[in-house]
């Protein structure tokens, strides 16, 4: 993460990261290039009613905008690539997986079920921002939310803007095996690959996306995930998925998952796709159920 002290610094980096001219950015925000220039030079602030456009059109978290869009800006750490922020340099990453289960009962009223097209679009926007090379058909998210609502969730911030989501797909076992053997990709999955009854064994929980814009918000979502498995105590299940971030892979390994395969994505970015599988029993209970 980079420490941002001014809004102008953030906007300049945003343009460079997304390869946009001032005119391009202005077009996205319905302002002219001169306005963008004034904002980048910190000559004027963004009008309060315009902040919504920065959140919804540029996908910059509202808290980041609020901290910097002020006569007396409050510095904040922000990662443009991952859309995550932190108020301090020491709170950017969890120390270990065990941090997430320190208090699994810790809750927030800001989490709700994925329930509309705007929710699904947010999941897609985050996947696109994170350069997921094999995005799934949004119909799968819609259907998964019906079959497994407890693990398909949206998190809002205190101002009711999107702050995170969790998308877990209930897969058929044979579909999971095809993904494991790399016979199919995430992007090629169809609704018929979902386990509509979700009663067979082993149950396959496929984590497509777990995202939040800050460590606090990540804590809420992961706690909800862990609480679900602690309550259900399934006798035979698989928790699996593909991760593209090294730190997330490390956390999942600490939770009991094993790496099955890893390979560079095809876009030449150097990002490594890592397929993991296992269950959370040892992590949650210290033994298999």
C-alpha atoms as a PDB file:
ATOM      1  CA  UNK A   1       0.000   0.000   0.000  1.00  0.00           C
ATOM      2  CA  UNK A   2       1.032   3.578  -0.599  1.00  0.00           C
ATOM      3  CA  UNK A   3       0.486   6.397   1.845  1.00  0.00           C
ATOM      4  CA  UNK A   4      -1.636   9.170   0.342  1.00  0.00           C
ATOM      5  CA  UNK A   5      -1.632  12.594   1.920  1.00  0.00           C
ATOM      6  CA  UNK A   6      -3.712  14.433  -0.680  1.00  0.00           C
ATOM      7  CA  UNK A   7      -6.537  13.722  -3.073  1.00  0.00           C
ATOM      8  CA  UNK A   8      -4.513  15.101  -5.975  1.00  0.00           C
ATOM      9  CA  UNK A   9      -1.793  12.534  -5.432  1.00  0.00           C
ATOM     10  CA  UNK A  10      -4.365   9.730  -5.468  1.00  0.00           C
ATOM     11  CA  UNK A  11      -6.071  10.937  -8.657  1.00  0.00           C
ATOM     12  CA  UNK A  12      -2.758  11.286 -10.461  1.00  0.00           C
ATOM     13  CA  UNK A  13      -1.798   7.723  -9.518  1.00  0.00           C
ATOM     14  CA  UNK A  14      -5.263   6.468 -10.465  1.00  0.00           C
ATOM     15  CA  UNK A  15      -4.884   7.896 -13.965  1.00  0.00           C
ATOM     16  CA  UNK A  16      -1.425   6.421 -14.410  1.00  0.00           C
ATOM     17  CA  UNK A  17      -2.499   3.018 -13.100  1.00  0.00           C
ATOM     18  CA  UNK A  18      -5.455   2.901 -15.492  1.00  0.00           C
ATOM     19  CA  UNK A  19      -3.601   4.605 -18.386  1.00  0.00           C
ATOM     20  CA  UNK A  20      -6.088   7.490 -18.589  1.00  0.00           C
ATOM     21  CA  UNK A  21      -5.599  11.066 -19.721  1.00  0.00           C
ATOM     22  CA  UNK A  22      -7.195  13.912 -17.794  1.00  0.00           C
ATOM     23  CA  UNK A  23      -9.792  14.073 -20.564  1.00  0.00           C
ATOM     24  CA  UNK A  24     -10.509  10.341 -20.226  1.00  0.00           C
ATOM     25  CA  UNK A  25     -10.974  10.593 -16.472  1.00  0.00           C
ATOM     26  CA  UNK A  26     -13.100  13.693 -16.866  1.00  0.00           C
ATOM     27  CA  UNK A  27     -15.396  11.832 -19.249  1.00  0.00           C
ATOM     28  CA  UNK A  28     -15.942   9.107 -16.646  1.00  0.00           C
ATOM     29  CA  UNK A  29     -16.852  11.698 -14.022  1.00  0.00           C
ATOM     30  CA  UNK A  30     -18.797  14.091 -16.307  1.00  0.00           C
ATOM     31  CA  UNK A  31     -16.364  16.978 -15.796  1.00  0.00           C
ATOM     32  CA  UNK A  32     -13.828  18.657 -18.081  1.00  0.00           C
ATOM     33  CA  UNK A  33     -10.056  18.125 -18.091  1.00  0.00           C
ATOM     34  CA  UNK A  34      -9.467  21.481 -16.379  1.00  0.00           C
ATOM     35  CA  UNK A  35     -11.470  20.312 -13.383  1.00  0.00           C
ATOM     36  CA  UNK A  36      -9.371  17.145 -13.184  1.00  0.00           C
ATOM     37  CA  UNK A  37      -6.239  19.292 -13.357  1.00  0.00           C
ATOM     38  CA  UNK A  38      -7.428  21.489 -10.477  1.00  0.00           C
ATOM     39  CA  UNK A  39      -8.235  18.426  -8.383  1.00  0.00           C
ATOM     40  CA  UNK A  40      -4.821  16.903  -9.062  1.00  0.00           C
ATOM     41  CA  UNK A  41      -3.109  20.154  -8.080  1.00  0.00           C
ATOM     42  CA  UNK A  42      -5.253  20.286  -4.911  1.00  0.00           C
ATOM     43  CA  UNK A  43      -6.562  23.693  -5.958  1.00  0.00           C
ATOM     44  CA  UNK A  44     -10.188  22.735  -5.305  1.00  0.00           C
ATOM     45  CA  UNK A  45     -12.041  20.015  -3.446  1.00  0.00           C
ATOM     46  CA  UNK A  46     -14.606  17.636  -4.882  1.00  0.00           C
ATOM     47  CA  UNK A  47     -18.142  18.764  -4.159  1.00  0.00           C
ATOM     48  CA  UNK A  48     -19.873  16.513  -1.657  1.00  0.00           C
ATOM     49  CA  UNK A  49     -22.516  15.424  -4.158  1.00  0.00           C
ATOM     50  CA  UNK A  50     -19.729  14.377  -6.568  1.00  0.00           C
ATOM     51  CA  UNK A  51     -18.091  11.971  -4.131  1.00  0.00           C
ATOM     52  CA  UNK A  52     -20.633   9.293  -5.053  1.00  0.00           C
ATOM     53  CA  UNK A  53     -19.260   9.222  -8.617  1.00  0.00           C
ATOM     54  CA  UNK A  54     -15.749   8.498  -7.346  1.00  0.00           C
ATOM     55  CA  UNK A  55     -17.073   5.522  -5.382  1.00  0.00           C
ATOM     56  CA  UNK A  56     -19.442   4.103  -7.988  1.00  0.00           C
ATOM     57  CA  UNK A  57     -17.648   4.960 -11.243  1.00  0.00           C
ATOM     58  CA  UNK A  58     -14.000   4.713 -10.166  1.00  0.00           C
ATOM     59  CA  UNK A  59     -14.534   2.069  -7.444  1.00  0.00           C
ATOM     60  CA  UNK A  60     -12.498   4.047  -4.917  1.00  0.00           C
ATOM     61  CA  UNK A  61     -13.690   3.219  -1.364  1.00  0.00           C
ATOM     62  CA  UNK A  62     -15.745   5.995   0.190  1.00  0.00           C
ATOM     63  CA  UNK A  63     -13.545   6.111   3.283  1.00  0.00           C
ATOM     64  CA  UNK A  64     -10.515   6.938   1.130  1.00  0.00           C
ATOM     65  CA  UNK A  65     -12.359   9.808  -0.549  1.00  0.00           C
ATOM     66  CA  UNK A  66     -13.662  11.158   2.768  1.00  0.00           C
ATOM     67  CA  UNK A  67     -10.191  11.153   4.325  1.00  0.00           C
ATOM     68  CA  UNK A  68      -8.562  13.038   1.453  1.00  0.00           C
ATOM     69  CA  UNK A  69     -11.344  15.317   0.213  1.00  0.00           C
ATOM     70  CA  UNK A  70     -10.939  17.880   2.964  1.00  0.00           C
ATOM     71  CA  UNK A  71      -9.247  21.182   3.739  1.00  0.00           C
ATOM     72  CA  UNK A  72      -7.383  19.185   6.372  1.00  0.00           C
ATOM     73  CA  UNK A  73      -6.898  15.777   4.729  1.00  0.00           C
ATOM     74  CA  UNK A  74      -6.154  12.733   6.854  1.00  0.00           C
ATOM     75  CA  UNK A  75      -3.456  10.516   5.351  1.00  0.00           C
ATOM     76  CA  UNK A  76      -4.513   7.004   4.420  1.00  0.00           C
ATOM     77  CA  UNK A  77      -2.781   3.920   2.991  1.00  0.00           C
ATOM     78  CA  UNK A  78      -4.334   2.638  -0.221  1.00  0.00           C
ATOM     79  CA  UNK A  79      -3.626  -0.054  -2.810  1.00  0.00           C
ATOM     80  CA  UNK A  80      -5.010   0.957  -6.203  1.00  0.00           C
ATOM     81  CA  UNK A  81      -4.537  -2.509  -7.623  1.00  0.00           C
ATOM     82  CA  UNK A  82      -6.416  -4.374  -4.896  1.00  0.00           C
ATOM     83  CA  UNK A  83      -8.853  -1.623  -3.806  1.00  0.00           C
ATOM     84  CA  UNK A  84      -7.881  -1.966  -0.157  1.00  0.00           C
ATOM     85  CA  UNK A  85      -7.074   0.707   2.402  1.00  0.00           C
ATOM     86  CA  UNK A  86      -5.671   0.993   5.896  1.00  0.00           C
ATOM     87  CA  UNK A  87      -5.494   3.826   8.392  1.00  0.00           C
ATOM     88  CA  UNK A  88      -2.043   2.799   9.618  1.00  0.00           C
ATOM     89  CA  UNK A  89       1.061   1.158   8.205  1.00  0.00           C
ATOM     90  CA  UNK A  90       0.893  -1.721  10.698  1.00  0.00           C
ATOM     91  CA  UNK A  91      -2.699  -2.791   9.931  1.00  0.00           C
ATOM     92  CA  UNK A  92      -2.309  -3.608   6.245  1.00  0.00           C
ATOM     93  CA  UNK A  93      -2.163  -7.405   6.548  1.00  0.00           C
ATOM     94  CA  UNK A  94      -3.384  -9.988   9.086  1.00  0.00           C
ATOM     95  CA  UNK A  95      -0.534 -11.383  11.213  1.00  0.00           C
ATOM     96  CA  UNK A  96      -1.763 -14.967  10.672  1.00  0.00           C
ATOM     97  CA  UNK A  97      -4.871 -17.022   9.931  1.00  0.00           C
ATOM     98  CA  UNK A  98      -5.533 -17.460  13.662  1.00  0.00           C
ATOM     99  CA  UNK A  99      -6.295 -13.723  13.853  1.00  0.00           C
ATOM    100  CA  UNK A 100      -9.584 -14.402  12.076  1.00  0.00           C
ATOM    101  CA  UNK A 101     -10.884 -16.779  14.736  1.00  0.00           C
ATOM    102  CA  UNK A 102      -9.950 -14.779  17.824  1.00  0.00           C
ATOM    103  CA  UNK A 103     -13.639 -13.922  18.194  1.00  0.00           C
ATOM    104  CA  UNK A 104     -15.820 -15.683  15.623  1.00  0.00           C
ATOM    105  CA  UNK A 105     -18.933 -14.289  17.315  1.00  0.00           C
ATOM    106  CA  UNK A 106     -17.879 -10.743  16.344  1.00  0.00           C
ATOM    107  CA  UNK A 107     -20.640  -9.510  14.026  1.00  0.00           C
ATOM    108  CA  UNK A 108     -21.851  -6.511  12.048  1.00  0.00           C
ATOM    109  CA  UNK A 109     -25.274  -5.526  10.749  1.00  0.00           C
ATOM    110  CA  UNK A 110     -23.667  -4.293   7.522  1.00  0.00           C
ATOM    111  CA  UNK A 111     -23.610  -7.802   5.988  1.00  0.00           C
ATOM    112  CA  UNK A 112     -26.579  -9.002   3.955  1.00  0.00           C
ATOM    113  CA  UNK A 113     -27.346 -11.631   1.313  1.00  0.00           C
ATOM    114  CA  UNK A 114     -26.520 -11.073  -2.364  1.00  0.00           C
ATOM    115  CA  UNK A 115     -29.966 -10.186  -3.642  1.00  0.00           C
ATOM    116  CA  UNK A 116     -29.934  -7.986  -6.758  1.00  0.00           C
ATOM    117  CA  UNK A 117     -28.143  -7.237 -10.012  1.00  0.00           C
ATOM    118  CA  UNK A 118     -26.218  -4.337  -8.488  1.00  0.00           C
ATOM    119  CA  UNK A 119     -24.681  -6.751  -5.978  1.00  0.00           C
ATOM    120  CA  UNK A 120     -23.618  -9.124  -8.744  1.00  0.00           C
ATOM    121  CA  UNK A 121     -22.205  -6.235 -10.771  1.00  0.00           C
ATOM    122  CA  UNK A 122     -20.057  -5.250  -7.781  1.00  0.00           C
ATOM    123  CA  UNK A 123     -18.607  -8.774  -7.642  1.00  0.00           C
ATOM    124  CA  UNK A 124     -17.861  -8.592 -11.369  1.00  0.00           C
ATOM    125  CA  UNK A 125     -16.301  -5.124 -11.058  1.00  0.00           C
ATOM    126  CA  UNK A 126     -13.917  -6.317  -8.352  1.00  0.00           C
ATOM    127  CA  UNK A 127     -12.950  -9.378 -10.379  1.00  0.00           C
ATOM    128  CA  UNK A 128     -12.239  -7.175 -13.385  1.00  0.00           C
ATOM    129  CA  UNK A 129     -10.207  -4.753 -11.267  1.00  0.00           C
ATOM    130  CA  UNK A 130      -8.164  -7.655  -9.897  1.00  0.00           C
ATOM    131  CA  UNK A 131      -7.552  -8.904 -13.460  1.00  0.00           C
ATOM    132  CA  UNK A 132      -9.175 -12.300 -12.913  1.00  0.00           C
ATOM    133  CA  UNK A 133      -8.484 -13.976 -16.275  1.00  0.00           C
ATOM    134  CA  UNK A 134     -11.390 -16.450 -16.057  1.00  0.00           C
ATOM    135  CA  UNK A 135     -14.446 -14.573 -14.798  1.00  0.00           C
ATOM    136  CA  UNK A 136     -17.527 -16.722 -14.372  1.00  0.00           C
ATOM    137  CA  UNK A 137     -20.946 -16.205 -15.893  1.00  0.00           C
ATOM    138  CA  UNK A 138     -22.847 -13.859 -13.528  1.00  0.00           C
ATOM    139  CA  UNK A 139     -25.791 -16.272 -13.707  1.00  0.00           C
ATOM    140  CA  UNK A 140     -23.750 -18.651 -11.533  1.00  0.00           C
ATOM    141  CA  UNK A 141     -23.469 -16.034  -8.790  1.00  0.00           C
ATOM    142  CA  UNK A 142     -27.193 -15.379  -9.003  1.00  0.00           C
ATOM    143  CA  UNK A 143     -27.996 -19.089  -8.695  1.00  0.00           C
ATOM    144  CA  UNK A 144     -25.390 -19.778  -5.998  1.00  0.00           C
ATOM    145  CA  UNK A 145     -26.957 -17.030  -3.878  1.00  0.00           C
ATOM    146  CA  UNK A 146     -30.248 -18.943  -4.019  1.00  0.00           C
ATOM    147  CA  UNK A 147     -28.743 -22.349  -3.227  1.00  0.00           C
ATOM    148  CA  UNK A 148     -26.229 -21.228  -0.591  1.00  0.00           C
ATOM    149  CA  UNK A 149     -27.376 -17.793   0.650  1.00  0.00           C
ATOM    150  CA  UNK A 150     -25.411 -17.998   3.917  1.00  0.00           C
ATOM    151  CA  UNK A 151     -22.104 -17.824   2.022  1.00  0.00           C
ATOM    152  CA  UNK A 152     -23.002 -15.415  -0.768  1.00  0.00           C
ATOM    153  CA  UNK A 153     -22.884 -12.080   0.949  1.00  0.00           C
ATOM    154  CA  UNK A 154     -22.508  -8.354   0.447  1.00  0.00           C
ATOM    155  CA  UNK A 155     -20.854  -6.011   2.940  1.00  0.00           C
ATOM    156  CA  UNK A 156     -21.653  -2.294   2.972  1.00  0.00           C
ATOM    157  CA  UNK A 157     -19.723   0.471   4.716  1.00  0.00           C
ATOM    158  CA  UNK A 158     -21.238   2.863   7.259  1.00  0.00           C
ATOM    159  CA  UNK A 159     -22.348   5.150   4.413  1.00  0.00           C
ATOM    160  CA  UNK A 160     -24.100   2.267   2.597  1.00  0.00           C
ATOM    161  CA  UNK A 161     -21.521   1.954  -0.185  1.00  0.00           C
ATOM    162  CA  UNK A 162     -20.173  -1.440  -1.231  1.00  0.00           C
ATOM    163  CA  UNK A 163     -17.204  -2.500   0.895  1.00  0.00           C
ATOM    164  CA  UNK A 164     -16.882  -6.227   0.264  1.00  0.00           C
ATOM    165  CA  UNK A 165     -18.434  -9.496  -0.797  1.00  0.00           C
ATOM    166  CA  UNK A 166     -18.144 -13.249  -0.484  1.00  0.00           C
ATOM    167  CA  UNK A 167     -19.088 -15.574  -3.341  1.00  0.00           C
ATOM    168  CA  UNK A 168     -19.006 -19.318  -2.625  1.00  0.00           C
ATOM    169  CA  UNK A 169     -20.269 -21.729  -5.293  1.00  0.00           C
ATOM    170  CA  UNK A 170     -21.881 -25.072  -4.335  1.00  0.00           C
ATOM    171  CA  UNK A 171     -20.291 -27.267  -7.005  1.00  0.00           C
ATOM    172  CA  UNK A 172     -21.005 -30.759  -8.216  1.00  0.00           C
ATOM    173  CA  UNK A 173     -18.189 -33.109  -7.271  1.00  0.00           C
ATOM    174  CA  UNK A 174     -17.389 -34.034 -10.882  1.00  0.00           C
ATOM    175  CA  UNK A 175     -17.120 -30.342 -11.807  1.00  0.00           C
ATOM    176  CA  UNK A 176     -14.703 -29.824  -8.933  1.00  0.00           C
ATOM    177  CA  UNK A 177     -12.592 -32.739 -10.180  1.00  0.00           C
ATOM    178  CA  UNK A 178     -12.449 -31.224 -13.669  1.00  0.00           C
ATOM    179  CA  UNK A 179     -11.231 -27.920 -12.210  1.00  0.00           C
ATOM    180  CA  UNK A 180      -8.708 -29.784 -10.084  1.00  0.00           C
ATOM    181  CA  UNK A 181      -7.383 -31.632 -13.142  1.00  0.00           C
ATOM    182  CA  UNK A 182      -7.459 -28.408 -15.205  1.00  0.00           C
ATOM    183  CA  UNK A 183      -9.838 -29.971 -17.703  1.00  0.00           C
ATOM    184  CA  UNK A 184     -12.079 -26.893 -17.452  1.00  0.00           C
ATOM    185  CA  UNK A 185     -11.610 -23.315 -16.228  1.00  0.00           C
ATOM    186  CA  UNK A 186     -13.736 -21.162 -13.946  1.00  0.00           C
ATOM    187  CA  UNK A 187     -14.910 -19.164 -16.934  1.00  0.00           C
ATOM    188  CA  UNK A 188     -16.306 -22.223 -18.693  1.00  0.00           C
ATOM    189  CA  UNK A 189     -18.580 -23.305 -15.854  1.00  0.00           C
ATOM    190  CA  UNK A 190     -22.356 -23.333 -16.418  1.00  0.00           C
ATOM    191  CA  UNK A 191     -25.341 -23.336 -14.071  1.00  0.00           C
ATOM    192  CA  UNK A 192     -25.551 -27.098 -14.601  1.00  0.00           C
ATOM    193  CA  UNK A 193     -22.208 -27.371 -12.754  1.00  0.00           C
ATOM    194  CA  UNK A 194     -23.826 -26.179  -9.527  1.00  0.00           C
ATOM    195  CA  UNK A 195     -25.181 -28.723  -7.045  1.00  0.00           C
ATOM    196  CA  UNK A 196     -28.763 -27.495  -6.887  1.00  0.00           C
ATOM    197  CA  UNK A 197     -29.828 -29.780  -4.023  1.00  0.00           C
ATOM    198  CA  UNK A 198     -26.438 -29.605  -2.306  1.00  0.00           C
ATOM    199  CA  UNK A 199     -27.023 -32.736  -0.270  1.00  0.00           C
ATOM    200  CA  UNK A 200     -24.539 -35.234  -1.745  1.00  0.00           C
ATOM    201  CA  UNK A 201     -21.137 -36.148  -0.352  1.00  0.00           C
ATOM    202  CA  UNK A 202     -18.668 -34.769  -0.380  1.00  0.00           C
ATOM    203  CA  UNK A 203     -20.131 -31.267  -0.444  1.00  0.00           C
ATOM    204  CA  UNK A 204     -17.917 -28.935  -2.472  1.00  0.00           C
ATOM    205  CA  UNK A 205     -17.682 -25.285  -1.421  1.00  0.00           C
ATOM    206  CA  UNK A 206     -15.803 -23.429  -4.142  1.00  0.00           C
ATOM    207  CA  UNK A 207     -14.622 -19.972  -3.118  1.00  0.00           C
ATOM    208  CA  UNK A 208     -14.812 -17.816  -6.213  1.00  0.00           C
ATOM    209  CA  UNK A 209     -14.216 -14.487  -4.516  1.00  0.00           C
ATOM    210  CA  UNK A 210     -13.754 -13.182  -0.980  1.00  0.00           C
ATOM    211  CA  UNK A 211     -12.972  -9.464  -0.978  1.00  0.00           C
ATOM    212  CA  UNK A 212     -13.149  -6.491   1.378  1.00  0.00           C
ATOM    213  CA  UNK A 213     -11.695  -3.002   1.186  1.00  0.00           C
ATOM    214  CA  UNK A 214      -9.995  -3.054   4.612  1.00  0.00           C
ATOM    215  CA  UNK A 215      -8.712  -5.535   7.179  1.00  0.00           C
ATOM    216  CA  UNK A 216     -11.607  -4.750   9.528  1.00  0.00           C
ATOM    217  CA  UNK A 217     -14.139  -5.550   6.827  1.00  0.00           C
ATOM    218  CA  UNK A 218     -12.233  -8.671   5.779  1.00  0.00           C
ATOM    219  CA  UNK A 219     -12.434  -9.799   9.401  1.00  0.00           C
ATOM    220  CA  UNK A 220     -16.245  -9.585   9.337  1.00  0.00           C
ATOM    221  CA  UNK A 221     -16.580 -11.659   6.160  1.00  0.00           C
ATOM    222  CA  UNK A 222     -14.062 -14.348   7.094  1.00  0.00           C
ATOM    223  CA  UNK A 223     -15.616 -14.589  10.551  1.00  0.00           C
ATOM    224  CA  UNK A 224     -18.999 -15.225   8.933  1.00  0.00           C
ATOM    225  CA  UNK A 225     -17.411 -17.973   6.812  1.00  0.00           C
ATOM    226  CA  UNK A 226     -15.715 -19.647   9.777  1.00  0.00           C
ATOM    227  CA  UNK A 227     -18.830 -19.386  11.950  1.00  0.00           C
ATOM    228  CA  UNK A 228     -20.830 -21.182   9.254  1.00  0.00           C
ATOM    229  CA  UNK A 229     -18.498 -24.185   9.189  1.00  0.00           C
ATOM    230  CA  UNK A 230     -18.136 -24.228  12.959  1.00  0.00           C
ATOM    231  CA  UNK A 231     -21.912 -24.398  13.335  1.00  0.00           C
ATOM    232  CA  UNK A 232     -22.592 -26.940  10.571  1.00  0.00           C
ATOM    233  CA  UNK A 233     -19.777 -29.409  11.390  1.00  0.00           C
ATOM    234  CA  UNK A 234     -20.087 -31.208   8.064  1.00  0.00           C
ATOM    235  CA  UNK A 235     -18.794 -34.769   8.091  1.00  0.00           C
ATOM    236  CA  UNK A 236     -17.607 -34.783   4.485  1.00  0.00           C
ATOM    237  CA  UNK A 237     -16.874 -31.603   2.550  1.00  0.00           C
ATOM    238  CA  UNK A 238     -14.226 -29.911   0.430  1.00  0.00           C
ATOM    239  CA  UNK A 239     -13.346 -26.226   0.564  1.00  0.00           C
ATOM    240  CA  UNK A 240     -11.504 -25.292  -2.602  1.00  0.00           C
ATOM    241  CA  UNK A 241     -10.740 -22.542  -5.074  1.00  0.00           C
ATOM    242  CA  UNK A 242      -8.146 -20.564  -6.999  1.00  0.00           C
ATOM    243  CA  UNK A 243      -6.192 -17.687  -5.453  1.00  0.00           C
ATOM    244  CA  UNK A 244      -3.987 -15.162  -7.220  1.00  0.00           C
ATOM    245  CA  UNK A 245      -2.441 -13.390  -4.228  1.00  0.00           C
ATOM    246  CA  UNK A 246       0.525 -14.807  -2.340  1.00  0.00           C
ATOM    247  CA  UNK A 247      -0.650 -13.589   1.062  1.00  0.00           C
ATOM    248  CA  UNK A 248      -4.106 -15.103   0.605  1.00  0.00           C
ATOM    249  CA  UNK A 249      -2.509 -18.430  -0.354  1.00  0.00           C
ATOM    250  CA  UNK A 250      -0.432 -18.330   2.832  1.00  0.00           C
ATOM    251  CA  UNK A 251      -3.517 -17.657   4.962  1.00  0.00           C
ATOM    252  CA  UNK A 252      -5.486 -20.470   3.324  1.00  0.00           C
ATOM    253  CA  UNK A 253      -2.597 -22.887   3.859  1.00  0.00           C
ATOM    254  CA  UNK A 254      -2.547 -21.924   7.537  1.00  0.00           C
ATOM    255  CA  UNK A 255      -6.278 -22.733   7.625  1.00  0.00           C
ATOM    256  CA  UNK A 256      -5.553 -26.264   6.428  1.00  0.00           C
ATOM    257  CA  UNK A 257      -5.773 -26.112   2.652  1.00  0.00           C
ATOM    258  CA  UNK A 258      -3.122 -27.676   0.413  1.00  0.00           C
ATOM    259  CA  UNK A 259      -1.776 -26.470  -2.907  1.00  0.00           C
ATOM    260  CA  UNK A 260      -2.758 -28.839  -5.731  1.00  0.00           C
ATOM    261  CA  UNK A 261      -1.330 -26.910  -8.655  1.00  0.00           C
ATOM    262  CA  UNK A 262      -0.028 -23.490  -9.561  1.00  0.00           C
ATOM    263  CA  UNK A 263       0.721 -21.838 -12.875  1.00  0.00           C
ATOM    264  CA  UNK A 264       1.262 -18.343 -14.318  1.00  0.00           C
ATOM    265  CA  UNK A 265      -1.793 -16.676 -15.837  1.00  0.00           C
ATOM    266  CA  UNK A 266      -1.635 -16.335 -19.601  1.00  0.00           C
ATOM    267  CA  UNK A 267      -1.588 -12.526 -19.796  1.00  0.00           C
ATOM    268  CA  UNK A 268       2.129 -12.278 -19.023  1.00  0.00           C
ATOM    269  CA  UNK A 269       1.535 -10.286 -15.835  1.00  0.00           C
ATOM    270  CA  UNK A 270       3.580 -12.678 -13.729  1.00  0.00           C
ATOM    271  CA  UNK A 271       0.577 -13.433 -11.506  1.00  0.00           C
ATOM    272  CA  UNK A 272       0.427 -17.045 -10.327  1.00  0.00           C
ATOM    273  CA  UNK A 273      -2.893 -18.901 -10.167  1.00  0.00           C
ATOM    274  CA  UNK A 274      -2.887 -21.326  -7.222  1.00  0.00           C
ATOM    275  CA  UNK A 275      -5.501 -24.067  -6.809  1.00  0.00           C
ATOM    276  CA  UNK A 276      -6.012 -25.120  -3.189  1.00  0.00           C
ATOM    277  CA  UNK A 277      -8.257 -27.663  -1.495  1.00  0.00           C
ATOM    278  CA  UNK A 278      -8.960 -29.117   1.922  1.00  0.00           C
ATOM    279  CA  UNK A 279     -11.324 -28.362   4.776  1.00  0.00           C
ATOM    280  CA  UNK A 280     -11.317 -26.148   7.853  1.00  0.00           C
ATOM    281  CA  UNK A 281     -11.784 -28.808  10.543  1.00  0.00           C
ATOM    282  CA  UNK A 282      -8.242 -28.854  11.940  1.00  0.00           C
ATOM    283  CA  UNK A 283      -8.156 -25.057  11.925  1.00  0.00           C
ATOM    284  CA  UNK A 284     -11.517 -24.704  13.691  1.00  0.00           C
ATOM    285  CA  UNK A 285     -11.598 -27.729  15.984  1.00  0.00           C
ATOM    286  CA  UNK A 286      -8.012 -28.971  16.204  1.00  0.00           C
ATOM    287  CA  UNK A 287      -9.136 -32.286  14.719  1.00  0.00           C
ATOM    288  CA  UNK A 288     -11.284 -33.725  11.944  1.00  0.00           C
ATOM    289  CA  UNK A 289     -15.004 -33.804  12.743  1.00  0.00           C
END
